[in-house]
Amino acid sequence: MSHRTLSRRLGRTAAALATIGALALSTGCGPEEAQAAAEPSETAAAPTPVMVPWPLTGVEVEAVPARPALAVKIENSVAARPQSGLNAADVVWEQVVEGGITRFVAVFHSTLPPDIGPIRSVRPMDAAIAGPLKGLFAFSGGQPGYVKAIADAGAQVLSQGSGAGGYFRLDSRDAPHNVYAKPADLLVQADPAHQAAPVGEFGFATAGRQPTAVISGTPAAAVDLKLSPSSTPSWTWSQPDNGWLRAEGNTPATTADGARVRAANVVVLRVDVANTSARDAAGNPVPETKMVGGGQALIASGGRTVAATWTKASPTDPVVLALPDGGPVELAPGNTWIELVPNNGGSVTPR
């Protein structure tokens, strides 16, 4: 070792000893403790990640992927049950269609199930549901005017009847109740204008806060609904499941994997429904739920319900929920079912 190198090392050692001595004098600790304080810690805590909410559920994650919302038209006749994928949806809308049966628009974003179905055709109110999402809308067919309205509202249409990919038929079911799709295969068809994540439609309670129904509502063991004489679903609060469990009449609603259909929130919107001039194959008039305007609402979260109002300014604007005094509504983080209950002939009964 050269004399110059040795001198440099001795100089660095002397400087380190001086630092340790200064720490010892200023803190009153011994040289060993002072040396430990002078050295950088190898176990320093990593910075806490900044969390962001999934836009349609309010559940916080480190990052939301840049993928669009996928809305899918799901059948709800007796022959269609049990459906696949419903519990993975961020939001499910239930609407009355011809003959008094209902259909769902299930919106997937935060979670993608392996498959979803059975998938059926669109109806006139679907444009107002799809409009705020600016994503993809998957279905098996529909009248050209209804399809055009969905596209005009800003959604990219993926129709099985028009040859879009991602669909298949389930051999164990009879047509027309056997059209299914793989959501991952639908999402890859998004064009450049429909690849962004959706904007959130509802407000959610953030960490440390309770949802509005829990703060301002009254206890409810169940919410009974009548959408038509043949459609009477109900939701029962289950504390062990921390959610509302669905039944179709007196029959527990399940998905194809045997799980109970569950919702963190049930949002009931009282709506006007009017028959259009269109008819189905049996001659029944096709009804249209009036989604633009407003009315009374009921919010169910955390085993409690609270009265509210809803407004929607246009097909492309979101539904806005408010308390009777105009205050905002915050839902529980998690999935939400939106029940479109007709003002004429429908009913909502918390109990």
Protein backbone atom coordinates (compact mmCIF):
# COMPACT_ATOMS: atom_id res chain seq x y z
CA MET A 1 0.00 0.00 0.00
CA SER A 2 1.38 3.42 -0.94
CA HIS A 3 2.00 6.13 1.61
CA ARG A 4 -0.61 8.38 -0.09
CA THR A 5 -3.35 5.68 0.07
CA LEU A 6 -2.60 4.96 3.71
CA SER A 7 -2.86 8.65 4.55
CA ARG A 8 -6.25 8.95 2.86
CA ARG A 9 -7.65 5.93 4.78
CA LEU A 10 -6.30 7.25 8.10
CA GLY A 11 -7.93 10.60 7.35
CA ARG A 12 -11.34 9.00 6.69
CA THR A 13 -11.08 6.93 9.88
CA ALA A 14 -10.26 10.00 11.93
CA ALA A 15 -13.25 11.87 10.47
CA ALA A 16 -15.59 8.99 11.32
CA LEU A 17 -14.28 8.79 14.87
CA ALA A 18 -14.79 12.52 15.24
CA THR A 19 -18.41 12.23 14.10
CA ILE A 20 -19.06 9.41 16.56
CA GLY A 21 -17.45 11.42 19.35
CA ALA A 22 -19.61 14.43 18.57
CA LEU A 23 -22.77 12.31 18.63
CA ALA A 24 -21.74 10.76 21.93
CA LEU A 25 -21.20 14.18 23.50
CA SER A 26 -24.46 15.64 22.17
CA THR A 27 -26.69 12.69 23.03
CA GLY A 28 -25.01 11.38 26.17
CA CYS A 29 -24.73 7.87 24.73
CA GLY A 30 -21.66 5.69 24.55
CA PRO A 31 -19.40 5.35 21.49
CA GLU A 32 -21.06 2.09 20.40
CA GLU A 33 -24.56 3.66 20.42
CA ALA A 34 -23.26 6.77 18.71
CA GLN A 35 -21.65 4.68 15.94
CA ALA A 36 -25.01 2.89 15.36
CA ALA A 37 -26.80 6.25 15.17
CA ALA A 38 -24.26 7.53 12.63
CA GLU A 39 -24.75 4.60 10.27
CA PRO A 40 -27.77 4.55 7.87
CA SER A 41 -30.50 2.06 8.82
CA GLU A 42 -30.93 -0.94 6.52
CA THR A 43 -34.51 -1.53 7.77
CA ALA A 44 -36.02 1.87 7.02
CA ALA A 45 -39.76 1.56 6.32
CA ALA A 46 -40.81 1.79 2.69
CA PRO A 47 -42.98 4.81 1.85
CA THR A 48 -46.72 4.17 2.21
CA PRO A 49 -48.27 3.86 -1.25
CA VAL A 50 -50.87 6.42 -2.26
CA MET A 51 -54.18 4.58 -2.63
CA VAL A 52 -56.83 5.42 -5.22
CA PRO A 53 -60.42 4.13 -5.45
CA TRP A 54 -61.86 1.95 -8.17
CA PRO A 55 -64.25 4.42 -9.82
CA LEU A 56 -67.34 2.18 -9.74
CA THR A 57 -66.90 0.60 -6.29
CA GLY A 58 -64.89 3.03 -4.18
CA VAL A 59 -62.62 0.17 -3.03
CA GLU A 60 -59.08 1.51 -2.70
CA VAL A 61 -56.11 0.02 -4.58
CA GLU A 62 -52.60 1.20 -5.42
CA ALA A 63 -53.41 1.78 -9.10
CA VAL A 64 -56.43 1.53 -11.39
CA PRO A 65 -55.55 -0.05 -14.75
CA ALA A 66 -56.37 1.90 -17.90
CA ARG A 67 -59.11 -0.40 -19.14
CA PRO A 68 -62.71 0.50 -20.01
CA ALA A 69 -65.89 -0.49 -18.25
CA LEU A 70 -67.66 -3.42 -19.87
CA ALA A 71 -71.47 -3.41 -19.71
CA VAL A 72 -73.20 -6.69 -20.58
CA LYS A 73 -76.92 -7.37 -21.10
CA ILE A 74 -77.81 -10.38 -18.94
CA GLU A 75 -81.05 -12.35 -19.07
CA ASN A 76 -83.14 -12.94 -15.91
CA SER A 77 -85.94 -15.26 -16.97
CA VAL A 78 -86.38 -18.50 -15.01
CA ALA A 79 -84.68 -20.38 -17.87
CA ALA A 80 -81.63 -18.10 -17.57
CA ARG A 81 -80.92 -18.82 -13.90
CA PRO A 82 -78.45 -19.27 -12.36
CA GLN A 83 -76.40 -16.70 -14.26
CA SER A 84 -72.60 -16.56 -14.48
CA GLY A 85 -70.43 -13.66 -13.36
CA LEU A 86 -72.97 -11.44 -11.57
CA ASN A 87 -71.05 -11.27 -8.29
CA ALA A 88 -67.97 -9.95 -10.13
CA ALA A 89 -69.86 -6.95 -11.52
CA ASP A 90 -69.15 -3.55 -9.99
CA VAL A 91 -72.70 -2.41 -10.76
CA VAL A 92 -75.85 -4.26 -11.85
CA TRP A 93 -78.94 -2.46 -13.14
CA GLU A 94 -82.29 -4.28 -13.08
CA GLN A 95 -85.02 -3.15 -15.48
CA VAL A 96 -88.49 -4.33 -16.47
CA VAL A 97 -88.84 -5.58 -20.05
CA GLU A 98 -91.77 -7.01 -22.01
CA GLY A 99 -94.05 -9.50 -20.29
CA GLY A 100 -93.09 -8.21 -16.82
CA ILE A 101 -89.80 -10.11 -16.64
CA THR A 102 -86.58 -8.27 -15.88
CA ARG A 103 -83.13 -8.08 -17.41
CA PHE A 104 -79.82 -6.89 -16.04
CA VAL A 105 -77.10 -4.61 -17.31
CA ALA A 106 -74.01 -5.84 -15.46
CA VAL A 107 -71.00 -3.51 -15.52
CA PHE A 108 -67.55 -5.04 -15.06
CA HIS A 109 -64.40 -3.06 -14.36
CA SER A 110 -62.49 -3.91 -11.17
CA THR A 111 -62.98 -7.69 -11.51
CA LEU A 112 -63.26 -9.83 -14.63
CA PRO A 113 -64.90 -13.25 -14.19
CA PRO A 114 -63.95 -16.14 -16.50
CA ASP A 115 -67.29 -15.93 -18.34
CA ILE A 116 -70.60 -14.10 -18.18
CA GLY A 117 -74.11 -14.93 -19.32
CA PRO A 118 -76.60 -15.76 -20.56
CA ILE A 119 -76.45 -12.67 -22.78
CA ARG A 120 -79.53 -11.27 -24.50
CA SER A 121 -80.66 -8.29 -26.58
CA VAL A 122 -80.73 -4.59 -25.70
CA ARG A 123 -83.68 -2.38 -24.80
CA PRO A 124 -84.42 1.36 -25.24
CA MET A 125 -83.27 2.44 -21.74
CA ASP A 126 -79.82 0.86 -22.14
CA ALA A 127 -78.38 3.94 -23.86
CA ALA A 128 -78.90 6.04 -20.71
CA ILE A 129 -77.22 3.36 -18.60
CA ALA A 130 -74.24 3.03 -20.95
CA GLY A 131 -73.86 6.75 -21.65
CA PRO A 132 -71.87 7.88 -18.58
CA LEU A 133 -69.46 4.92 -18.80
CA LYS A 134 -68.02 5.68 -22.27
CA GLY A 135 -66.90 2.04 -22.47
CA LEU A 136 -68.02 -1.18 -24.14
CA PHE A 137 -71.56 -2.59 -24.35
CA ALA A 138 -71.91 -6.32 -25.10
CA PHE A 139 -75.21 -7.93 -26.14
CA SER A 140 -76.65 -10.55 -28.45
CA GLY A 141 -78.77 -8.35 -30.71
CA GLY A 142 -81.52 -5.76 -30.67
CA GLN A 143 -83.56 -3.38 -32.77
CA PRO A 144 -81.33 -1.10 -34.88
CA GLY A 145 -82.68 2.04 -33.23
CA TYR A 146 -81.80 0.81 -29.76
CA VAL A 147 -78.29 -0.20 -30.88
CA LYS A 148 -77.73 3.17 -32.55
CA ALA A 149 -78.85 5.01 -29.41
CA ILE A 150 -76.23 3.14 -27.35
CA ALA A 151 -73.51 4.06 -29.84
CA ASP A 152 -74.71 7.67 -30.01
CA ALA A 153 -74.45 7.85 -26.21
CA GLY A 154 -70.72 7.17 -26.50
CA ALA A 155 -70.38 3.40 -26.04
CA GLN A 156 -68.64 0.98 -28.38
CA VAL A 157 -71.16 -1.73 -29.27
CA LEU A 158 -70.07 -5.38 -29.38
CA SER A 159 -72.99 -7.36 -30.76
CA GLN A 160 -72.84 -11.13 -30.96
CA GLY A 161 -75.46 -10.94 -33.68
CA SER A 162 -73.19 -8.69 -35.77
CA GLY A 163 -70.15 -10.93 -35.51
CA ALA A 164 -68.17 -9.46 -32.59
CA GLY A 165 -65.69 -11.89 -31.06
CA GLY A 166 -65.54 -13.29 -27.55
CA TYR A 167 -68.93 -15.04 -27.57
CA PHE A 168 -69.70 -18.75 -27.36
CA ARG A 169 -72.71 -20.99 -26.80
CA LEU A 170 -73.01 -23.21 -23.74
CA ASP A 171 -73.90 -26.77 -24.72
CA SER A 172 -75.69 -27.44 -21.44
CA ARG A 173 -78.37 -24.79 -22.13
CA ASP A 174 -80.98 -24.44 -24.83
CA ALA A 175 -81.10 -21.46 -27.17
CA PRO A 176 -81.67 -18.56 -26.76
CA HIS A 177 -80.49 -18.90 -23.15
CA ASN A 178 -77.03 -20.19 -24.03
CA VAL A 179 -75.05 -17.18 -25.35
CA TYR A 180 -72.06 -16.44 -23.09
CA ALA A 181 -68.85 -14.44 -23.41
CA LYS A 182 -65.37 -14.20 -21.96
CA PRO A 183 -64.91 -10.61 -20.76
CA ALA A 184 -61.17 -10.60 -21.42
CA ASP A 185 -61.90 -11.42 -25.07
CA LEU A 186 -64.42 -8.59 -25.25
CA LEU A 187 -62.07 -6.01 -23.75
CA VAL A 188 -59.30 -6.62 -26.29
CA GLN A 189 -61.69 -5.38 -28.97
CA ALA A 190 -61.82 -1.87 -27.50
CA ASP A 191 -60.96 0.73 -30.10
CA PRO A 192 -58.62 3.68 -29.31
CA ALA A 193 -61.55 5.89 -28.27
CA HIS A 194 -62.83 3.41 -25.68
CA GLN A 195 -59.82 2.33 -23.64
CA ALA A 196 -59.93 4.72 -20.68
CA ALA A 197 -61.22 3.82 -17.23
CA PRO A 198 -64.73 5.11 -16.48
CA VAL A 199 -65.51 8.13 -14.38
CA GLY A 200 -67.23 7.25 -11.11
CA GLU A 201 -71.00 7.69 -11.03
CA PHE A 202 -71.66 7.54 -7.26
CA GLY A 203 -69.93 8.77 -4.13
CA PHE A 204 -68.45 6.30 -1.64
CA ALA A 205 -67.50 6.58 2.01
CA THR A 206 -63.74 6.82 2.34
CA ALA A 207 -61.58 5.16 4.99
CA GLY A 208 -62.74 6.04 8.49
CA ARG A 209 -66.21 7.15 7.33
CA GLN A 210 -69.56 5.37 7.37
CA PRO A 211 -71.96 5.28 4.40
CA THR A 212 -74.87 7.69 4.49
CA ALA A 213 -77.50 5.03 5.19
CA VAL A 214 -75.60 3.93 8.30
CA ILE A 215 -75.23 7.51 9.53
CA SER A 216 -78.70 8.83 8.73
CA GLY A 217 -80.88 5.79 8.02
CA THR A 218 -83.02 3.38 9.97
CA PRO A 219 -82.35 -0.33 10.57
CA ALA A 220 -83.76 -2.73 7.98
CA ALA A 221 -83.53 -6.50 7.93
CA ALA A 222 -84.72 -6.68 4.31
CA VAL A 223 -86.01 -4.68 1.35
CA ASP A 224 -88.89 -6.20 -0.64
CA LEU A 225 -89.42 -5.02 -4.22
CA LYS A 226 -92.16 -5.38 -6.77
CA LEU A 227 -91.09 -4.50 -10.29
CA SER A 228 -94.06 -6.26 -11.92
CA PRO A 229 -96.61 -8.94 -10.94
CA SER A 230 -94.10 -11.58 -12.01
CA SER A 231 -90.93 -9.96 -10.67
CA THR A 232 -90.71 -9.62 -6.87
CA PRO A 233 -87.06 -9.77 -5.78
CA SER A 234 -85.93 -9.03 -2.24
CA TRP A 235 -82.68 -8.23 -0.49
CA THR A 236 -81.95 -9.45 3.07
CA TRP A 237 -79.14 -8.02 5.18
CA SER A 238 -76.54 -10.61 6.23
CA GLN A 239 -74.07 -9.45 8.85
CA PRO A 240 -71.72 -12.44 8.34
CA ASP A 241 -71.59 -11.64 4.61
CA ASN A 242 -71.42 -7.89 5.26
CA GLY A 243 -73.90 -7.43 2.44
CA TRP A 244 -77.42 -7.82 1.09
CA LEU A 245 -78.40 -11.26 -0.25
CA ARG A 246 -80.84 -11.48 -3.14
CA ALA A 247 -83.87 -13.71 -3.56
CA GLU A 248 -86.18 -14.14 -6.54
CA GLY A 249 -89.55 -14.29 -4.82
CA ASN A 250 -89.04 -16.95 -2.14
CA THR A 251 -86.07 -18.56 -3.89
CA PRO A 252 -82.50 -17.57 -2.90
CA ALA A 253 -80.71 -16.15 -5.94
CA THR A 254 -77.40 -17.84 -6.71
CA THR A 255 -74.79 -17.72 -9.43
CA ALA A 256 -73.65 -20.69 -11.50
CA ASP A 257 -70.91 -21.49 -8.97
CA GLY A 258 -73.50 -21.81 -6.17
CA ALA A 259 -72.69 -18.52 -4.40
CA ARG A 260 -75.50 -16.30 -3.17
CA VAL A 261 -75.98 -13.13 -5.21
CA ARG A 262 -74.67 -10.37 -2.93
CA ALA A 263 -74.52 -6.56 -2.94
CA ALA A 264 -72.79 -4.08 -0.66
CA ASN A 265 -75.41 -1.49 -1.67
CA VAL A 266 -78.93 -1.65 -3.07
CA VAL A 267 -80.06 1.59 -4.69
CA VAL A 268 -83.75 1.77 -5.60
CA LEU A 269 -84.81 4.40 -8.14
CA ARG A 270 -88.53 5.01 -8.65
CA VAL A 271 -89.02 5.52 -12.38
CA ASP A 272 -91.71 6.10 -14.99
CA VAL A 273 -92.16 3.26 -17.48
CA ALA A 274 -94.05 3.66 -20.76
CA ASN A 275 -94.81 1.17 -23.52
CA THR A 276 -93.25 1.80 -26.92
CA SER A 277 -94.79 0.89 -30.26
CA ALA A 278 -92.47 -2.13 -30.57
CA ARG A 279 -93.70 -5.65 -29.80
CA ASP A 280 -91.90 -8.87 -28.90
CA ALA A 281 -92.50 -12.21 -30.63
CA ALA A 282 -95.47 -12.91 -28.35
CA GLY A 283 -97.06 -9.56 -29.10
CA ASN A 284 -96.20 -7.90 -25.78
CA PRO A 285 -95.32 -4.19 -25.96
CA VAL A 286 -91.69 -3.33 -25.26
CA PRO A 287 -91.54 -0.93 -22.27
CA GLU A 288 -89.07 1.90 -21.88
CA THR A 289 -87.84 3.07 -18.49
CA LYS A 290 -87.53 6.86 -18.47
CA MET A 291 -83.99 7.41 -17.23
CA VAL A 292 -83.72 11.16 -17.79
CA GLY A 293 -85.34 13.29 -15.12
CA GLY A 294 -85.57 12.31 -11.48
CA GLY A 295 -87.63 10.94 -8.64
CA GLN A 296 -87.61 9.25 -5.28
CA ALA A 297 -84.90 6.81 -4.22
CA LEU A 298 -84.05 4.45 -1.37
CA ILE A 299 -80.46 3.66 -0.40
CA ALA A 300 -79.64 0.44 1.48
CA SER A 301 -76.16 0.01 2.98
CA GLY A 302 -74.87 -1.67 6.12
CA GLY A 303 -78.21 -3.07 7.26
CA ARG A 304 -79.91 0.32 7.17
CA THR A 305 -81.94 2.32 4.63
CA VAL A 306 -82.34 6.02 3.98
CA ALA A 307 -84.72 7.94 1.72
CA ALA A 308 -83.14 9.96 -1.06
CA THR A 309 -83.79 11.50 -4.46
CA TRP A 310 -82.23 10.91 -7.87
CA THR A 311 -81.68 13.13 -10.91
CA LYS A 312 -80.18 12.50 -14.34
CA ALA A 313 -79.85 15.44 -16.72
CA SER A 314 -79.26 13.55 -19.99
CA PRO A 315 -78.45 10.03 -21.29
CA THR A 316 -74.74 10.78 -21.00
CA ASP A 317 -74.90 12.36 -17.53
CA PRO A 318 -74.58 10.22 -14.38
CA VAL A 319 -77.32 9.55 -11.89
CA VAL A 320 -76.94 11.95 -8.96
CA LEU A 321 -78.16 10.79 -5.55
CA ALA A 322 -79.03 13.27 -2.81
CA LEU A 323 -80.69 13.34 0.60
CA PRO A 324 -84.06 15.10 0.83
CA ASP A 325 -82.28 18.20 2.18
CA GLY A 326 -79.90 18.20 -0.79
CA GLY A 327 -76.96 16.65 1.04
CA PRO A 328 -74.73 14.14 -0.77
CA VAL A 329 -75.13 10.36 -0.54
CA GLU A 330 -72.11 8.13 0.08
CA LEU A 331 -72.40 4.40 -0.51
CA ALA A 332 -70.44 1.62 1.19
CA PRO A 333 -67.33 0.65 -0.80
CA GLY A 334 -68.17 -2.44 -2.86
CA ASN A 335 -70.62 -3.53 -5.53
CA THR A 336 -74.00 -1.90 -6.09
CA TRP A 337 -77.31 -3.16 -7.50
CA ILE A 338 -79.59 -0.49 -8.93
CA GLU A 339 -83.26 -1.43 -8.97
CA LEU A 340 -85.44 0.52 -11.44
CA VAL A 341 -88.85 0.15 -9.81
CA PRO A 342 -91.84 1.53 -11.76
CA ASN A 343 -93.86 4.31 -10.13
CA ASN A 344 -97.01 2.76 -11.57
CA GLY A 345 -97.57 -0.73 -10.17
CA GLY A 346 -94.20 -1.14 -8.44
CA SER A 347 -93.46 -1.01 -4.74
CA VAL A 348 -90.57 -0.78 -2.28
CA THR A 349 -90.96 -2.07 1.29
CA PRO A 350 -88.12 -1.96 3.83
CA ARG A 351 -88.78 -4.15 6.85
